[in-house]
Amino acid sequence: MATHHYLRLTFILLFVVTSLFCIYFIIKKRKNRKAPKLLSKEKYNSSIDGMKEVSISNDNFFNIWPYVSELKAAKILSKEIKESELIHKVFRNSTEDLEHILLTTEKENHFVEVVVDKNKKKVLGYLFLNL
């Protein structure tokens, strides 16, 4: 065989190996994607002291919409619920550093509660509630 055939086979083999590495890392990255965090009962119970209801019309509560998108992508919340009807109630503790935001689900009296730390400006996690 001529050297140009060996050179061509080498480039094809290099292309195949590089493609396999790329596919491997893409799959690995998808598996390591962060999913929304489910709160433990202990952590939830430690965060409910002195909660008061806050008016929903008051837009002074935490921006949870990026987190809601993650919940919908993880199929925790239904994509069928309109965003205008999603927030059921908002509760805030006496020091105003924690918020509990109740999100409606498709089932009646079933909610997803998102717990937010306003000081750290991050979501602590979510919990399922059956009232």
Protein backbone atom coordinates (compact mmCIF):
# COMPACT_ATOMS: atom_id res chain seq x y z
CA MET A 1 0.00 0.00 0.00
CA ALA A 2 1.05 3.49 -0.65
CA THR A 3 1.83 5.89 2.17
CA HIS A 4 -1.12 8.12 1.30
CA HIS A 5 -3.48 5.23 2.18
CA TYR A 6 -1.85 4.86 5.59
CA LEU A 7 -2.10 8.60 6.10
CA ARG A 8 -5.80 8.58 5.16
CA LEU A 9 -6.51 5.65 7.54
CA THR A 10 -4.65 7.46 10.33
CA PHE A 11 -6.79 10.58 9.90
CA ILE A 12 -10.00 8.53 9.85
CA LEU A 13 -8.95 6.69 13.01
CA LEU A 14 -8.03 9.98 14.70
CA PHE A 15 -11.44 11.41 13.74
CA VAL A 16 -13.30 8.38 15.14
CA VAL A 17 -11.37 8.43 18.43
CA THR A 18 -11.90 12.17 18.88
CA SER A 19 -15.62 11.79 18.16
CA LEU A 20 -15.94 9.03 20.74
CA PHE A 21 -14.21 11.18 23.37
CA CYS A 22 -16.59 14.07 22.64
CA ILE A 23 -19.64 11.82 22.89
CA TYR A 24 -18.36 10.36 26.17
CA PHE A 25 -17.87 13.78 27.76
CA ILE A 26 -21.26 15.06 26.57
CA ILE A 27 -23.01 12.06 28.12
CA LYS A 28 -21.01 12.44 31.34
CA LYS A 29 -21.88 16.14 31.58
CA ARG A 30 -25.60 15.42 31.12
CA LYS A 31 -25.54 12.86 33.92
CA ASN A 32 -23.77 15.28 36.28
CA ARG A 33 -26.27 18.06 35.63
CA LYS A 34 -27.58 19.47 38.87
CA ALA A 35 -31.17 18.61 39.58
CA PRO A 36 -33.33 20.62 41.96
CA LYS A 37 -32.65 19.66 45.56
CA LEU A 38 -35.34 17.93 47.62
CA LEU A 39 -35.26 19.25 51.19
CA SER A 40 -35.17 16.89 54.14
CA LYS A 41 -37.95 17.10 56.73
CA GLU A 42 -35.46 18.24 59.39
CA LYS A 43 -34.16 21.13 57.32
CA TYR A 44 -37.70 22.12 56.33
CA ASN A 45 -38.94 22.02 59.93
CA SER A 46 -36.05 24.22 61.08
CA SER A 47 -37.05 26.87 58.53
CA ILE A 48 -40.78 27.28 59.35
CA ASP A 49 -40.51 29.27 62.59
CA GLY A 50 -42.62 32.45 62.67
CA MET A 51 -43.92 32.40 59.10
CA LYS A 52 -46.38 35.09 58.00
CA GLU A 53 -48.27 35.22 54.73
CA VAL A 54 -47.16 37.88 52.24
CA SER A 55 -49.44 39.29 49.59
CA ILE A 56 -48.84 37.81 46.15
CA SER A 57 -49.57 41.17 44.55
CA ASN A 58 -46.49 42.44 46.37
CA ASP A 59 -43.70 41.67 43.87
CA ASN A 60 -41.08 41.99 46.60
CA PHE A 61 -40.54 38.23 46.90
CA PHE A 62 -37.61 36.26 45.48
CA ASN A 63 -37.35 35.70 41.71
CA ILE A 64 -37.93 31.95 41.47
CA TRP A 65 -38.58 31.71 37.73
CA PRO A 66 -35.18 30.24 36.79
CA TYR A 67 -35.70 27.60 39.50
CA VAL A 68 -39.25 26.95 38.27
CA SER A 69 -37.77 26.22 34.84
CA GLU A 70 -35.44 23.66 36.45
CA LEU A 71 -38.40 22.08 38.26
CA LYS A 72 -40.32 21.84 34.99
CA ALA A 73 -37.30 20.38 33.19
CA ALA A 74 -36.97 17.75 35.95
CA LYS A 75 -40.73 17.03 35.55
CA ILE A 76 -41.45 17.97 39.16
CA LEU A 77 -43.86 20.68 38.01
CA SER A 78 -46.19 20.32 35.06
CA LYS A 79 -45.52 22.45 32.00
CA GLU A 80 -49.28 22.74 31.52
CA ILE A 81 -49.81 25.14 34.45
CA LYS A 82 -49.77 28.80 33.45
CA GLU A 83 -47.14 30.93 35.17
CA SER A 84 -49.78 33.45 36.19
CA GLU A 85 -51.57 30.71 38.18
CA LEU A 86 -48.45 28.98 39.50
CA ILE A 87 -47.80 30.89 42.75
CA HIS A 88 -50.45 30.00 45.33
CA LYS A 89 -49.11 31.67 48.50
CA VAL A 90 -45.90 33.23 49.79
CA PHE A 91 -44.78 33.06 53.42
CA ARG A 92 -41.88 34.96 55.03
CA ASN A 93 -40.32 34.53 58.47
CA SER A 94 -40.08 37.32 61.05
CA THR A 95 -36.47 38.22 60.20
CA GLU A 96 -37.42 38.32 56.49
CA ASP A 97 -34.49 36.20 55.41
CA LEU A 98 -36.42 33.01 54.49
CA GLU A 99 -39.35 32.66 52.13
CA HIS A 100 -41.60 29.69 51.47
CA ILE A 101 -43.34 29.91 48.10
CA LEU A 102 -46.22 27.50 47.46
CA LEU A 103 -46.56 26.46 43.83
CA THR A 104 -49.73 24.80 42.59
CA THR A 105 -49.72 21.40 40.94
CA GLU A 106 -52.28 19.63 38.81
CA LYS A 107 -53.76 17.88 41.86
CA GLU A 108 -56.01 19.81 44.20
CA ASN A 109 -54.45 20.56 47.64
CA HIS A 110 -51.05 19.28 46.47
CA PHE A 111 -48.25 21.83 46.32
CA VAL A 112 -44.55 22.14 45.68
CA GLU A 113 -43.02 24.44 48.29
CA VAL A 114 -39.83 26.24 47.36
CA VAL A 115 -37.68 27.45 50.27
CA VAL A 116 -35.53 30.50 49.55
CA ASP A 117 -32.76 32.19 51.53
CA LYS A 118 -33.07 35.88 50.63
CA ASN A 119 -29.79 36.88 52.29
CA LYS A 120 -27.76 34.42 50.22
CA LYS A 121 -30.03 35.01 47.21
CA LYS A 122 -30.40 31.32 46.50
CA VAL A 123 -32.98 28.55 46.62
CA LEU A 124 -32.41 26.02 49.38
CA GLY A 125 -34.64 23.41 47.79
CA TYR A 126 -38.20 22.19 47.38
CA LEU A 127 -40.62 19.93 49.20
CA PHE A 128 -43.94 18.29 48.31
CA LEU A 129 -46.90 19.30 50.48
CA ASN A 130 -50.28 17.59 50.70
CA LEU A 131 -52.81 19.78 52.51
